[in-house]
Protein backbone atom coordinates (compact mmCIF):
# COMPACT_ATOMS: atom_id res chain seq x y z
CA MET A 1 194.32 73.57 119.11
CA ARG A 2 195.16 71.02 121.82
CA PRO A 3 192.74 68.19 122.63
CA ASN A 4 191.09 68.55 126.00
CA PRO A 5 192.03 65.52 128.17
CA LEU A 6 188.70 65.69 130.03
CA ASN A 7 186.78 65.38 126.76
CA GLN A 8 188.96 62.42 125.77
CA ARG A 9 188.11 60.61 129.03
CA LEU A 10 184.40 61.37 128.69
CA LYS A 11 184.28 59.97 125.15
CA ALA A 12 186.14 56.83 126.24
CA ALA A 13 183.94 56.16 129.29
CA PRO A 14 181.56 53.24 128.72
CA ALA A 15 177.85 53.84 129.11
CA PRO A 16 176.43 52.54 132.39
CA SER A 17 174.95 49.08 132.02
CA LEU A 18 171.20 48.75 132.40
CA ALA A 19 171.45 44.96 132.44
CA ILE A 20 169.79 43.15 135.31
CA PRO A 21 171.38 39.87 136.44
CA GLU A 22 169.39 36.93 135.14
CA ALA A 23 168.74 35.65 138.67
CA GLN A 24 166.75 38.86 139.35
CA TRP A 25 164.57 38.72 136.21
CA PRO A 26 160.80 38.70 136.81
CA PHE A 27 158.94 35.46 136.04
CA LEU A 28 157.39 36.83 132.82
CA VAL A 29 160.81 37.87 131.47
CA LYS A 30 162.21 34.41 132.24
CA TRP A 31 159.22 32.83 130.48
CA ILE A 32 159.83 34.99 127.38
CA ALA A 33 163.57 34.18 127.48
CA GLN A 34 162.76 30.45 127.33
CA ARG A 35 161.33 31.11 123.84
CA ARG A 36 164.61 32.55 122.56
CA GLN A 37 165.67 31.78 118.98
CA PRO A 38 169.24 31.81 117.60
CA GLY A 39 170.34 35.33 116.66
CA GLU A 40 168.22 37.10 119.29
CA ILE A 41 170.43 39.16 121.60
CA GLY A 42 167.90 39.94 124.32
CA VAL A 43 164.31 39.74 125.50
CA GLY A 44 163.35 42.67 123.24
CA ASP A 45 164.14 40.63 120.13
CA THR A 46 162.08 37.70 121.40
CA VAL A 47 159.11 39.94 122.27
CA HIS A 48 159.32 41.54 118.80
CA ARG A 49 159.30 38.11 117.10
CA LEU A 50 156.42 36.80 119.21
CA PHE A 51 154.27 39.91 118.66
CA SER A 52 155.05 39.87 114.94
CA GLN A 53 153.66 36.33 114.73
CA PHE A 54 150.37 37.52 116.20
CA GLY A 55 149.85 40.73 114.22
CA GLY A 56 152.09 43.07 116.20
CA ASN A 57 153.16 44.93 113.06
CA THR A 58 149.52 45.51 112.10
CA LEU A 59 148.74 46.90 115.56
CA SER A 60 151.81 49.14 115.41
CA GLU A 61 150.82 50.52 112.01
CA ALA A 62 147.22 51.09 113.17
CA TYR A 63 148.44 52.95 116.24
CA GLU A 64 150.69 55.17 114.11
CA ARG A 65 147.78 56.00 111.78
CA LEU A 66 145.36 56.76 114.62
CA ALA A 67 147.74 58.60 116.94
CA GLY A 68 149.80 60.27 114.25
CA ARG A 69 153.07 59.31 115.94
CA PRO A 70 155.31 56.24 116.15
CA CYS A 71 154.36 53.60 118.70
CA GLY A 72 157.91 53.38 120.11
CA CYS A 73 158.28 49.65 119.47
CA LYS A 74 161.90 49.89 118.29
CA ASP A 75 162.91 51.97 121.32
CA ARG A 76 161.14 49.52 123.64
CA GLN A 77 162.83 46.58 121.90
CA ALA A 78 166.27 48.19 122.32
CA TRP A 79 165.57 49.01 125.99
CA LEU A 80 164.48 45.43 126.72
CA ASN A 81 167.59 44.08 124.97
CA GLN A 82 169.79 46.31 127.15
CA ARG A 83 167.89 45.49 130.33
CA TYR A 84 167.56 41.73 129.76
CA PRO A 85 170.38 40.56 127.45
CA TYR A 86 171.02 36.92 126.68
CA GLY A 87 174.39 35.82 128.02
CA GLY A 88 177.71 37.40 127.24
CA ILE A 89 179.29 38.44 123.95
CA ASN A 90 180.41 34.84 123.29
CA ASP A 91 176.80 33.64 123.39
CA VAL A 92 175.75 36.36 120.96
CA LEU A 93 178.56 35.47 118.55
CA LYS A 94 177.69 31.77 118.80
CA ASP A 95 174.05 32.44 117.84
CA GLY A 96 174.77 34.88 115.01
């Protein structure tokens, strides 16, 4: 069976970037980004750390118990990291 060239191109195509240029970030996102710690790759990581310091994990667990479904924190964190990443790949490698 021959490989389909169209499938090969589709698999190789990069996913569209959701990243917003830093100059267009809302004020609140810029404020959160100023609290960045080494190893955080985007705003989602910073939000996760800040909420964890103030009982975010407890709230998440309570929501899951009451609602009977996950709160979606991990998905939200990943989306925020894609939307508002910190710098380029070199910055990420420097921090890690």
